[in-house]
Amino acid sequence: MRNDSERLLDIVDAIERIKKYANRGKEAFKSDELIQTWMIHNLLILGEAVAKISDEFRDSHPEVPWPKIIGMRNILVHGYFDIDVDIVWAVIENDLPELEKHLKNIT
């Protein structure tokens, strides 16, 4: 079983993989199904890793919006055909850099 430190590294790795293609911009994201799928897949990995982090660890870092991240994962998994790519892009562009900052302060 993976521990919290390993799960944090999973999250950081997923962010790095997303950033690799996010650098191509919003239009590339919106027009390329493979890029969308890649980014959404890595958001799922990120959300799943967050969901598996211990409650004690999450409670000790309330500055990170853990419930929102898990909620996003649930929407992507269970509402797959209703995914709004503009919202996904907004998360990638606005929320991931902030999450990355928090994680660098934690690890």
PDB file of N, CA and C in Angstrom:
ATOM      1  N   MET A   1       0.842  -1.184   0.000  1.00  0.00           N
ATOM      2  CA  MET A   1       0.000   0.000   0.000  1.00  0.00           C
ATOM      3  C   MET A   1       0.890   1.252   0.000  1.00  0.00           C
ATOM      4  N   ARG A   2       0.501   2.230  -0.796  1.00  0.00           N
ATOM      5  CA  ARG A   2       1.285   3.457  -0.927  1.00  0.00           C
ATOM      6  C   ARG A   2       1.015   4.370   0.274  1.00  0.00           C
ATOM      7  N   ASN A   3       2.071   5.044   0.734  1.00  0.00           N
ATOM      8  CA  ASN A   3       1.904   5.964   1.858  1.00  0.00           C
ATOM      9  C   ASN A   3       1.628   7.383   1.337  1.00  0.00           C
ATOM     10  N   ASP A   4       1.409   8.285   2.276  1.00  0.00           N
ATOM     11  CA  ASP A   4       1.064   9.666   1.897  1.00  0.00           C
ATOM     12  C   ASP A   4       2.161  10.325   1.063  1.00  0.00           C
ATOM     13  N   SER A   5       3.407  10.092   1.408  1.00  0.00           N
ATOM     14  CA  SER A   5       4.511  10.696   0.652  1.00  0.00           C
ATOM     15  C   SER A   5       4.520  10.210  -0.796  1.00  0.00           C
ATOM     16  N   GLU A   6       4.284   8.940  -0.986  1.00  0.00           N
ATOM     17  CA  GLU A   6       4.240   8.392  -2.343  1.00  0.00           C
ATOM     18  C   GLU A   6       3.054   8.951  -3.117  1.00  0.00           C
ATOM     19  N   ARG A   7       1.946   9.117  -2.442  1.00  0.00           N
ATOM     20  CA  ARG A   7       0.761   9.682  -3.104  1.00  0.00           C
ATOM     21  C   ARG A   7       0.997  11.151  -3.480  1.00  0.00           C
ATOM     22  N   LEU A   8       1.693  11.879  -2.638  1.00  0.00           N
ATOM     23  CA  LEU A   8       2.039  13.262  -2.982  1.00  0.00           C
ATOM     24  C   LEU A   8       2.907  13.307  -4.231  1.00  0.00           C
ATOM     25  N   LEU A   9       3.830  12.370  -4.328  1.00  0.00           N
ATOM     26  CA  LEU A   9       4.661  12.300  -5.533  1.00  0.00           C
ATOM     27  C   LEU A   9       3.816  11.940  -6.760  1.00  0.00           C
ATOM     28  N   ASP A  10       2.809  11.084  -6.585  1.00  0.00           N
ATOM     29  CA  ASP A  10       1.889  10.773  -7.681  1.00  0.00           C
ATOM     30  C   ASP A  10       1.180  12.036  -8.164  1.00  0.00           C
ATOM     31  N   ILE A  11       0.794  12.877  -7.219  1.00  0.00           N
ATOM     32  CA  ILE A  11       0.099  14.125  -7.555  1.00  0.00           C
ATOM     33  C   ILE A  11       1.034  15.064  -8.316  1.00  0.00           C
ATOM     34  N   VAL A  12       2.244  15.217  -7.805  1.00  0.00           N
ATOM     35  CA  VAL A  12       3.228  16.081  -8.463  1.00  0.00           C
ATOM     36  C   VAL A  12       3.526  15.565  -9.878  1.00  0.00           C
ATOM     37  N   ASP A  13       3.670  14.257 -10.015  1.00  0.00           N
ATOM     38  CA  ASP A  13       3.921  13.671 -11.340  1.00  0.00           C
ATOM     39  C   ASP A  13       2.761  13.947 -12.289  1.00  0.00           C
ATOM     40  N   ALA A  14       1.536  13.812 -11.805  1.00  0.00           N
ATOM     41  CA  ALA A  14       0.361  14.073 -12.655  1.00  0.00           C
ATOM     42  C   ALA A  14       0.335  15.535 -13.088  1.00  0.00           C
ATOM     43  N   ILE A  15       0.653  16.434 -12.172  1.00  0.00           N
ATOM     44  CA  ILE A  15       0.696  17.862 -12.523  1.00  0.00           C
ATOM     45  C   ILE A  15       1.748  18.103 -13.601  1.00  0.00           C
ATOM     46  N   GLU A  16       2.909  17.504 -13.463  1.00  0.00           N
ATOM     47  CA  GLU A  16       3.968  17.666 -14.467  1.00  0.00           C
ATOM     48  C   GLU A  16       3.519  17.147 -15.832  1.00  0.00           C
ATOM     49  N   ARG A  17       2.837  16.009 -15.851  1.00  0.00           N
ATOM     50  CA  ARG A  17       2.363  15.461 -17.123  1.00  0.00           C
ATOM     51  C   ARG A  17       1.305  16.371 -17.754  1.00  0.00           C
ATOM     52  N   ILE A  18       0.458  16.964 -16.939  1.00  0.00           N
ATOM     53  CA  ILE A  18      -0.553  17.896 -17.456  1.00  0.00           C
ATOM     54  C   ILE A  18       0.126  19.144 -18.012  1.00  0.00           C
ATOM     55  N   LYS A  19       1.079  19.680 -17.276  1.00  0.00           N
ATOM     56  CA  LYS A  19       1.772  20.901 -17.705  1.00  0.00           C
ATOM     57  C   LYS A  19       2.478  20.718 -19.042  1.00  0.00           C
ATOM     58  N   LYS A  20       2.955  19.513 -19.283  1.00  0.00           N
ATOM     59  CA  LYS A  20       3.656  19.216 -20.528  1.00  0.00           C
ATOM     60  C   LYS A  20       2.818  19.591 -21.747  1.00  0.00           C
ATOM     61  N   TYR A  21       1.505  19.349 -21.677  1.00  0.00           N
ATOM     62  CA  TYR A  21       0.628  19.664 -22.799  1.00  0.00           C
ATOM     63  C   TYR A  21      -0.157  20.950 -22.592  1.00  0.00           C
ATOM     64  N   ALA A  22      -0.304  21.380 -21.364  1.00  0.00           N
ATOM     65  CA  ALA A  22      -0.992  22.647 -21.105  1.00  0.00           C
ATOM     66  C   ALA A  22      -0.226  23.808 -21.727  1.00  0.00           C
ATOM     67  N   ASN A  23       1.080  23.651 -21.847  1.00  0.00           N
ATOM     68  CA  ASN A  23       1.905  24.697 -22.454  1.00  0.00           C
ATOM     69  C   ASN A  23       1.508  24.989 -23.899  1.00  0.00           C
ATOM     70  N   ARG A  24       0.796  24.067 -24.506  1.00  0.00           N
ATOM     71  CA  ARG A  24       0.341  24.286 -25.892  1.00  0.00           C
ATOM     72  C   ARG A  24      -0.850  25.240 -25.965  1.00  0.00           C
ATOM     73  N   GLY A  25      -1.489  25.505 -24.830  1.00  0.00           N
ATOM     74  CA  GLY A  25      -2.553  26.487 -24.775  1.00  0.00           C
ATOM     75  C   GLY A  25      -3.955  25.912 -24.845  1.00  0.00           C
ATOM     76  N   LYS A  26      -4.893  26.798 -24.578  1.00  0.00           N
ATOM     77  CA  LYS A  26      -6.307  26.426 -24.497  1.00  0.00           C
ATOM     78  C   LYS A  26      -6.851  25.919 -25.833  1.00  0.00           C
ATOM     79  N   GLU A  27      -6.482  26.552 -26.914  1.00  0.00           N
ATOM     80  CA  GLU A  27      -7.027  26.136 -28.215  1.00  0.00           C
ATOM     81  C   GLU A  27      -6.570  24.727 -28.584  1.00  0.00           C
ATOM     82  N   ALA A  28      -5.317  24.413 -28.291  1.00  0.00           N
ATOM     83  CA  ALA A  28      -4.839  23.045 -28.549  1.00  0.00           C
ATOM     84  C   ALA A  28      -5.605  22.062 -27.685  1.00  0.00           C
ATOM     85  N   PHE A  29      -5.844  22.428 -26.433  1.00  0.00           N
ATOM     86  CA  PHE A  29      -6.605  21.575 -25.529  1.00  0.00           C
ATOM     87  C   PHE A  29      -8.026  21.354 -26.059  1.00  0.00           C
ATOM     88  N   LYS A  30      -8.675  22.431 -26.461  1.00  0.00           N
ATOM     89  CA  LYS A  30     -10.066  22.319 -26.904  1.00  0.00           C
ATOM     90  C   LYS A  30     -10.207  21.592 -28.238  1.00  0.00           C
ATOM     91  N   SER A  31      -9.195  21.678 -29.084  1.00  0.00           N
ATOM     92  CA  SER A  31      -9.333  21.112 -30.425  1.00  0.00           C
ATOM     93  C   SER A  31      -8.739  19.712 -30.578  1.00  0.00           C
ATOM     94  N   ASP A  32      -7.972  19.261 -29.597  1.00  0.00           N
ATOM     95  CA  ASP A  32      -7.304  17.966 -29.724  1.00  0.00           C
ATOM     96  C   ASP A  32      -7.834  16.986 -28.678  1.00  0.00           C
ATOM     97  N   GLU A  33      -8.606  16.031 -29.138  1.00  0.00           N
ATOM     98  CA  GLU A  33      -9.217  15.050 -28.245  1.00  0.00           C
ATOM     99  C   GLU A  33      -8.174  14.259 -27.453  1.00  0.00           C
ATOM    100  N   LEU A  34      -7.042  13.969 -28.063  1.00  0.00           N
ATOM    101  CA  LEU A  34      -5.999  13.230 -27.352  1.00  0.00           C
ATOM    102  C   LEU A  34      -5.426  14.038 -26.190  1.00  0.00           C
ATOM    103  N   ILE A  35      -5.229  15.329 -26.391  1.00  0.00           N
ATOM    104  CA  ILE A  35      -4.727  16.180 -25.315  1.00  0.00           C
ATOM    105  C   ILE A  35      -5.764  16.274 -24.204  1.00  0.00           C
ATOM    106  N   GLN A  36      -7.038  16.434 -24.574  1.00  0.00           N
ATOM    107  CA  GLN A  36      -8.095  16.463 -23.562  1.00  0.00           C
ATOM    108  C   GLN A  36      -8.103  15.178 -22.744  1.00  0.00           C
ATOM    109  N   THR A  37      -8.055  14.054 -23.430  1.00  0.00           N
ATOM    110  CA  THR A  37      -8.082  12.762 -22.757  1.00  0.00           C
ATOM    111  C   THR A  37      -6.878  12.606 -21.847  1.00  0.00           C
ATOM    112  N   TRP A  38      -5.707  12.996 -22.311  1.00  0.00           N
ATOM    113  CA  TRP A  38      -4.476  12.920 -21.525  1.00  0.00           C
ATOM    114  C   TRP A  38      -4.596  13.734 -20.240  1.00  0.00           C
ATOM    115  N   MET A  39      -5.059  14.962 -20.385  1.00  0.00           N
ATOM    116  CA  MET A  39      -5.149  15.836 -19.219  1.00  0.00           C
ATOM    117  C   MET A  39      -6.213  15.347 -18.248  1.00  0.00           C
ATOM    118  N   ILE A  40      -7.357  14.944 -18.763  1.00  0.00           N
ATOM    119  CA  ILE A  40      -8.417  14.440 -17.888  1.00  0.00           C
ATOM    120  C   ILE A  40      -7.957  13.171 -17.178  1.00  0.00           C
ATOM    121  N   HIS A  41      -7.281  12.301 -17.889  1.00  0.00           N
ATOM    122  CA  HIS A  41      -6.759  11.084 -17.268  1.00  0.00           C
ATOM    123  C   HIS A  41      -5.815  11.424 -16.111  1.00  0.00           C
ATOM    124  N   ASN A  42      -4.957  12.385 -16.311  1.00  0.00           N
ATOM    125  CA  ASN A  42      -4.030  12.755 -15.246  1.00  0.00           C
ATOM    126  C   ASN A  42      -4.721  13.499 -14.108  1.00  0.00           C
ATOM    127  N   LEU A  43      -5.788  14.223 -14.398  1.00  0.00           N
ATOM    128  CA  LEU A  43      -6.593  14.804 -13.315  1.00  0.00           C
ATOM    129  C   LEU A  43      -7.251  13.697 -12.499  1.00  0.00           C
ATOM    130  N   LEU A  44      -7.655  12.621 -13.163  1.00  0.00           N
ATOM    131  CA  LEU A  44      -8.225  11.477 -12.444  1.00  0.00           C
ATOM    132  C   LEU A  44      -7.183  10.841 -11.522  1.00  0.00           C
ATOM    133  N   ILE A  45      -5.983  10.660 -12.036  1.00  0.00           N
ATOM    134  CA  ILE A  45      -4.901  10.102 -11.215  1.00  0.00           C
ATOM    135  C   ILE A  45      -4.657  10.999 -10.009  1.00  0.00           C
ATOM    136  N   LEU A  46      -4.583  12.289 -10.251  1.00  0.00           N
ATOM    137  CA  LEU A  46      -4.363  13.263  -9.192  1.00  0.00           C
ATOM    138  C   LEU A  46      -5.469  13.162  -8.142  1.00  0.00           C
ATOM    139  N   GLY A  47      -6.716  13.150  -8.592  1.00  0.00           N
ATOM    140  CA  GLY A  47      -7.852  13.081  -7.673  1.00  0.00           C
ATOM    141  C   GLY A  47      -7.892  11.784  -6.893  1.00  0.00           C
ATOM    142  N   GLU A  48      -7.551  10.696  -7.544  1.00  0.00           N
ATOM    143  CA  GLU A  48      -7.525   9.396  -6.864  1.00  0.00           C
ATOM    144  C   GLU A  48      -6.422   9.378  -5.805  1.00  0.00           C
ATOM    145  N   ALA A  49      -5.269   9.939  -6.113  1.00  0.00           N
ATOM    146  CA  ALA A  49      -4.185  10.007  -5.132  1.00  0.00           C
ATOM    147  C   ALA A  49      -4.599  10.845  -3.926  1.00  0.00           C
ATOM    148  N   VAL A  50      -5.256  11.965  -4.174  1.00  0.00           N
ATOM    149  CA  VAL A  50      -5.727  12.815  -3.074  1.00  0.00           C
ATOM    150  C   VAL A  50      -6.726  12.051  -2.211  1.00  0.00           C
ATOM    151  N   ALA A  51      -7.633  11.332  -2.853  1.00  0.00           N
ATOM    152  CA  ALA A  51      -8.656  10.588  -2.102  1.00  0.00           C
ATOM    153  C   ALA A  51      -8.041   9.520  -1.202  1.00  0.00           C
ATOM    154  N   LYS A  52      -6.864   9.025  -1.559  1.00  0.00           N
ATOM    155  CA  LYS A  52      -6.208   7.962  -0.791  1.00  0.00           C
ATOM    156  C   LYS A  52      -5.252   8.491   0.275  1.00  0.00           C
ATOM    157  N   ILE A  53      -5.013   9.789   0.280  1.00  0.00           N
ATOM    158  CA  ILE A  53      -4.177  10.377   1.326  1.00  0.00           C
ATOM    159  C   ILE A  53      -4.939  10.293   2.642  1.00  0.00           C
ATOM    160  N   SER A  54      -4.226  10.032   3.704  1.00  0.00           N
ATOM    161  CA  SER A  54      -4.870   9.862   5.006  1.00  0.00           C
ATOM    162  C   SER A  54      -5.601  11.135   5.442  1.00  0.00           C
ATOM    163  N   ASP A  55      -6.676  10.924   6.186  1.00  0.00           N
ATOM    164  CA  ASP A  55      -7.431  12.052   6.736  1.00  0.00           C
ATOM    165  C   ASP A  55      -6.544  12.900   7.643  1.00  0.00           C
ATOM    166  N   GLU A  56      -5.673  12.262   8.387  1.00  0.00           N
ATOM    167  CA  GLU A  56      -4.780  12.989   9.297  1.00  0.00           C
ATOM    168  C   GLU A  56      -3.881  13.946   8.517  1.00  0.00           C
ATOM    169  N   PHE A  57      -3.344  13.475   7.409  1.00  0.00           N
ATOM    170  CA  PHE A  57      -2.473  14.329   6.601  1.00  0.00           C
ATOM    171  C   PHE A  57      -3.277  15.483   6.007  1.00  0.00           C
ATOM    172  N   ARG A  58      -4.438  15.171   5.439  1.00  0.00           N
ATOM    173  CA  ARG A  58      -5.261  16.238   4.852  1.00  0.00           C
ATOM    174  C   ARG A  58      -5.670  17.256   5.913  1.00  0.00           C
ATOM    175  N   ASP A  59      -6.028  16.762   7.110  1.00  0.00           N
ATOM    176  CA  ASP A  59      -6.416  17.675   8.190  1.00  0.00           C
ATOM    177  C   ASP A  59      -5.268  18.575   8.621  1.00  0.00           C
ATOM    178  N   SER A  60      -4.042  18.083   8.480  1.00  0.00           N
ATOM    179  CA  SER A  60      -2.887  18.879   8.886  1.00  0.00           C
ATOM    180  C   SER A  60      -2.484  19.913   7.833  1.00  0.00           C
ATOM    181  N   HIS A  61      -3.140  19.874   6.675  1.00  0.00           N
ATOM    182  CA  HIS A  61      -2.856  20.841   5.604  1.00  0.00           C
ATOM    183  C   HIS A  61      -4.165  21.379   5.029  1.00  0.00           C
ATOM    184  N   PRO A  62      -4.883  22.155   5.847  1.00  0.00           N
ATOM    185  CA  PRO A  62      -6.193  22.663   5.404  1.00  0.00           C
ATOM    186  C   PRO A  62      -6.106  23.722   4.300  1.00  0.00           C
ATOM    187  N   GLU A  63      -4.896  24.215   4.038  1.00  0.00           N
ATOM    188  CA  GLU A  63      -4.727  25.214   2.979  1.00  0.00           C
ATOM    189  C   GLU A  63      -4.936  24.618   1.586  1.00  0.00           C
ATOM    190  N   VAL A  64      -4.881  23.306   1.490  1.00  0.00           N
ATOM    191  CA  VAL A  64      -5.094  22.617   0.216  1.00  0.00           C
ATOM    192  C   VAL A  64      -6.576  22.240   0.122  1.00  0.00           C
ATOM    193  N   PRO A  65      -7.224  22.556  -0.984  1.00  0.00           N
ATOM    194  CA  PRO A  65      -8.662  22.264  -1.116  1.00  0.00           C
ATOM    195  C   PRO A  65      -8.932  20.788  -1.450  1.00  0.00           C
ATOM    196  N   TRP A  66      -8.562  19.904  -0.532  1.00  0.00           N
ATOM    197  CA  TRP A  66      -8.696  18.462  -0.761  1.00  0.00           C
ATOM    198  C   TRP A  66     -10.089  18.049  -1.212  1.00  0.00           C
ATOM    199  N   PRO A  67     -11.157  18.512  -0.532  1.00  0.00           N
ATOM    200  CA  PRO A  67     -12.509  18.082  -0.953  1.00  0.00           C
ATOM    201  C   PRO A  67     -12.863  18.510  -2.383  1.00  0.00           C
ATOM    202  N   LYS A  68     -12.415  19.685  -2.783  1.00  0.00           N
ATOM    203  CA  LYS A  68     -12.687  20.144  -4.150  1.00  0.00           C
ATOM    204  C   LYS A  68     -11.975  19.268  -5.180  1.00  0.00           C
ATOM    205  N   ILE A  69     -10.760  18.857  -4.847  1.00  0.00           N
ATOM    206  CA  ILE A  69      -9.993  18.009  -5.763  1.00  0.00           C
ATOM    207  C   ILE A  69     -10.681  16.657  -5.912  1.00  0.00           C
ATOM    208  N   ILE A  70     -11.107  16.094  -4.796  1.00  0.00           N
ATOM    209  CA  ILE A  70     -11.820  14.815  -4.836  1.00  0.00           C
ATOM    210  C   ILE A  70     -13.147  14.978  -5.568  1.00  0.00           C
ATOM    211  N   GLY A  71     -13.820  16.092  -5.359  1.00  0.00           N
ATOM    212  CA  GLY A  71     -15.081  16.364  -6.053  1.00  0.00           C
ATOM    213  C   GLY A  71     -14.887  16.445  -7.563  1.00  0.00           C
ATOM    214  N   MET A  72     -13.810  17.079  -7.986  1.00  0.00           N
ATOM    215  CA  MET A  72     -13.505  17.161  -9.421  1.00  0.00           C
ATOM    216  C   MET A  72     -13.278  15.768  -9.989  1.00  0.00           C
ATOM    217  N   ARG A  73     -12.544  14.945  -9.268  1.00  0.00           N
ATOM    218  CA  ARG A  73     -12.307  13.568  -9.702  1.00  0.00           C
ATOM    219  C   ARG A  73     -13.631  12.824  -9.864  1.00  0.00           C
ATOM    220  N   ASN A  74     -14.523  13.003  -8.907  1.00  0.00           N
ATOM    221  CA  ASN A  74     -15.821  12.319  -8.966  1.00  0.00           C
ATOM    222  C   ASN A  74     -16.647  12.775 -10.161  1.00  0.00           C
ATOM    223  N   ILE A  75     -16.604  14.046 -10.450  1.00  0.00           N
ATOM    224  CA  ILE A  75     -17.325  14.567 -11.620  1.00  0.00           C
ATOM    225  C   ILE A  75     -16.741  13.977 -12.903  1.00  0.00           C
ATOM    226  N   LEU A  76     -15.420  13.945 -12.997  1.00  0.00           N
ATOM    227  CA  LEU A  76     -14.777  13.416 -14.203  1.00  0.00           C
ATOM    228  C   LEU A  76     -15.073  11.930 -14.395  1.00  0.00           C
ATOM    229  N   VAL A  77     -15.151  11.186 -13.308  1.00  0.00           N
ATOM    230  CA  VAL A  77     -15.405   9.748 -13.407  1.00  0.00           C
ATOM    231  C   VAL A  77     -16.880   9.458 -13.657  1.00  0.00           C
ATOM    232  N   HIS A  78     -17.747  10.068 -12.873  1.00  0.00           N
ATOM    233  CA  HIS A  78     -19.159   9.693 -12.901  1.00  0.00           C
ATOM    234  C   HIS A  78     -20.005  10.529 -13.852  1.00  0.00           C
ATOM    235  N   GLY A  79     -19.517  11.683 -14.234  1.00  0.00           N
ATOM    236  CA  GLY A  79     -20.270  12.538 -15.146  1.00  0.00           C
ATOM    237  C   GLY A  79     -19.541  12.705 -16.457  1.00  0.00           C
ATOM    238  N   TYR A  80     -18.889  11.631 -16.884  1.00  0.00           N
ATOM    239  CA  TYR A  80     -17.960  11.708 -18.006  1.00  0.00           C
ATOM    240  C   TYR A  80     -18.551  12.377 -19.245  1.00  0.00           C
ATOM    241  N   PHE A  81     -19.797  12.071 -19.578  1.00  0.00           N
ATOM    242  CA  PHE A  81     -20.379  12.623 -20.806  1.00  0.00           C
ATOM    243  C   PHE A  81     -20.864  14.064 -20.631  1.00  0.00           C
ATOM    244  N   ASP A  82     -20.793  14.568 -19.418  1.00  0.00           N
ATOM    245  CA  ASP A  82     -21.208  15.940 -19.150  1.00  0.00           C
ATOM    246  C   ASP A  82     -20.030  16.857 -18.846  1.00  0.00           C
ATOM    247  N   ILE A  83     -18.818  16.396 -19.124  1.00  0.00           N
ATOM    248  CA  ILE A  83     -17.633  17.189 -18.805  1.00  0.00           C
ATOM    249  C   ILE A  83     -17.604  18.452 -19.649  1.00  0.00           C
ATOM    250  N   ASP A  84     -17.417  19.566 -18.979  1.00  0.00           N
ATOM    251  CA  ASP A  84     -17.295  20.866 -19.636  1.00  0.00           C
ATOM    252  C   ASP A  84     -15.803  21.174 -19.776  1.00  0.00           C
ATOM    253  N   VAL A  85     -15.306  21.137 -21.012  1.00  0.00           N
ATOM    254  CA  VAL A  85     -13.865  21.324 -21.218  1.00  0.00           C
ATOM    255  C   VAL A  85     -13.395  22.721 -20.812  1.00  0.00           C
ATOM    256  N   ASP A  86     -14.285  23.694 -20.824  1.00  0.00           N
ATOM    257  CA  ASP A  86     -13.889  25.036 -20.368  1.00  0.00           C
ATOM    258  C   ASP A  86     -13.609  25.030 -18.868  1.00  0.00           C
ATOM    259  N   ILE A  87     -14.404  24.286 -18.117  1.00  0.00           N
ATOM    260  CA  ILE A  87     -14.162  24.173 -16.674  1.00  0.00           C
ATOM    261  C   ILE A  87     -12.879  23.399 -16.418  1.00  0.00           C
ATOM    262  N   VAL A  88     -12.681  22.317 -17.159  1.00  0.00           N
ATOM    263  CA  VAL A  88     -11.449  21.534 -17.000  1.00  0.00           C
ATOM    264  C   VAL A  88     -10.244  22.424 -17.291  1.00  0.00           C
ATOM    265  N   TRP A  89     -10.312  23.193 -18.363  1.00  0.00           N
ATOM    266  CA  TRP A  89      -9.189  24.077 -18.694  1.00  0.00           C
ATOM    267  C   TRP A  89      -8.967  25.110 -17.592  1.00  0.00           C
ATOM    268  N   ALA A  90     -10.041  25.668 -17.056  1.00  0.00           N
ATOM    269  CA  ALA A  90      -9.907  26.651 -15.979  1.00  0.00           C
ATOM    270  C   ALA A  90      -9.210  26.044 -14.766  1.00  0.00           C
ATOM    271  N   VAL A  91      -9.524  24.801 -14.453  1.00  0.00           N
ATOM    272  CA  VAL A  91      -8.856  24.109 -13.348  1.00  0.00           C
ATOM    273  C   VAL A  91      -7.373  23.958 -13.665  1.00  0.00           C
ATOM    274  N   ILE A  92      -7.073  23.534 -14.874  1.00  0.00           N
ATOM    275  CA  ILE A  92      -5.678  23.339 -15.277  1.00  0.00           C
ATOM    276  C   ILE A  92      -4.909  24.660 -15.228  1.00  0.00           C
ATOM    277  N   GLU A  93      -5.513  25.691 -15.739  1.00  0.00           N
ATOM    278  CA  GLU A  93      -4.829  26.980 -15.838  1.00  0.00           C
ATOM    279  C   GLU A  93      -4.746  27.715 -14.503  1.00  0.00           C
ATOM    280  N   ASN A  94      -5.803  27.650 -13.698  1.00  0.00           N
ATOM    281  CA  ASN A  94      -5.881  28.469 -12.488  1.00  0.00           C
ATOM    282  C   ASN A  94      -5.593  27.715 -11.198  1.00  0.00           C
ATOM    283  N   ASP A  95      -6.090  26.493 -11.088  1.00  0.00           N
ATOM    284  CA  ASP A  95      -6.008  25.772  -9.821  1.00  0.00           C
ATOM    285  C   ASP A  95      -4.751  24.913  -9.679  1.00  0.00           C
ATOM    286  N   LEU A  96      -4.292  24.308 -10.777  1.00  0.00           N
ATOM    287  CA  LEU A  96      -3.115  23.436 -10.669  1.00  0.00           C
ATOM    288  C   LEU A  96      -1.845  24.178 -10.246  1.00  0.00           C
ATOM    289  N   PRO A  97      -1.591  25.393 -10.756  1.00  0.00           N
ATOM    290  CA  PRO A  97      -0.393  26.102 -10.281  1.00  0.00           C
ATOM    291  C   PRO A  97      -0.432  26.369  -8.776  1.00  0.00           C
ATOM    292  N   GLU A  98      -1.611  26.690  -8.275  1.00  0.00           N
ATOM    293  CA  GLU A  98      -1.762  26.934  -6.836  1.00  0.00           C
ATOM    294  C   GLU A  98      -1.563  25.639  -6.048  1.00  0.00           C
ATOM    295  N   LEU A  99      -2.121  24.549  -6.529  1.00  0.00           N
ATOM    296  CA  LEU A  99      -1.930  23.253  -5.884  1.00  0.00           C
ATOM    297  C   LEU A  99      -0.455  22.875  -5.883  1.00  0.00           C
ATOM    298  N   GLU A 100       0.198  23.106  -6.991  1.00  0.00           N
ATOM    299  CA  GLU A 100       1.620  22.784  -7.090  1.00  0.00           C
ATOM    300  C   GLU A 100       2.430  23.574  -6.048  1.00  0.00           C
ATOM    301  N   LYS A 101       2.106  24.849  -5.853  1.00  0.00           N
ATOM    302  CA  LYS A 101       2.790  25.664  -4.837  1.00  0.00           C
ATOM    303  C   LYS A 101       2.600  25.074  -3.447  1.00  0.00           C
ATOM    304  N   HIS A 102       1.351  24.712  -3.139  1.00  0.00           N
ATOM    305  CA  HIS A 102       1.074  24.118  -1.830  1.00  0.00           C
ATOM    306  C   HIS A 102       1.884  22.836  -1.628  1.00  0.00           C
ATOM    307  N   LEU A 103       1.928  22.009  -2.655  1.00  0.00           N
ATOM    308  CA  LEU A 103       2.623  20.727  -2.527  1.00  0.00           C
ATOM    309  C   LEU A 103       4.130  20.920  -2.360  1.00  0.00           C
ATOM    310  N   LYS A 104       4.685  21.931  -3.017  1.00  0.00           N
ATOM    311  CA  LYS A 104       6.116  22.190  -2.859  1.00  0.00           C
ATOM    312  C   LYS A 104       6.438  22.637  -1.429  1.00  0.00           C
ATOM    313  N   ASN A 105       5.482  23.333  -0.810  1.00  0.00           N
ATOM    314  CA  ASN A 105       5.676  23.750   0.583  1.00  0.00           C
ATOM    315  C   ASN A 105       5.532  22.564   1.551  1.00  0.00           C
ATOM    316  N   ILE A 106       4.744  21.569   1.161  1.00  0.00           N
ATOM    317  CA  ILE A 106       4.500  20.408   2.014  1.00  0.00           C
ATOM    318  C   ILE A 106       5.638  19.405   1.915  1.00  0.00           C
ATOM    319  N   THR A 107       6.109  19.173   0.675  1.00  0.00           N
ATOM    320  CA  THR A 107       7.109  18.109   0.475  1.00  0.00           C
ATOM    321  C   THR A 107       8.528  18.607   0.645  1.00  0.00           C
TER     322      THR A 107
END
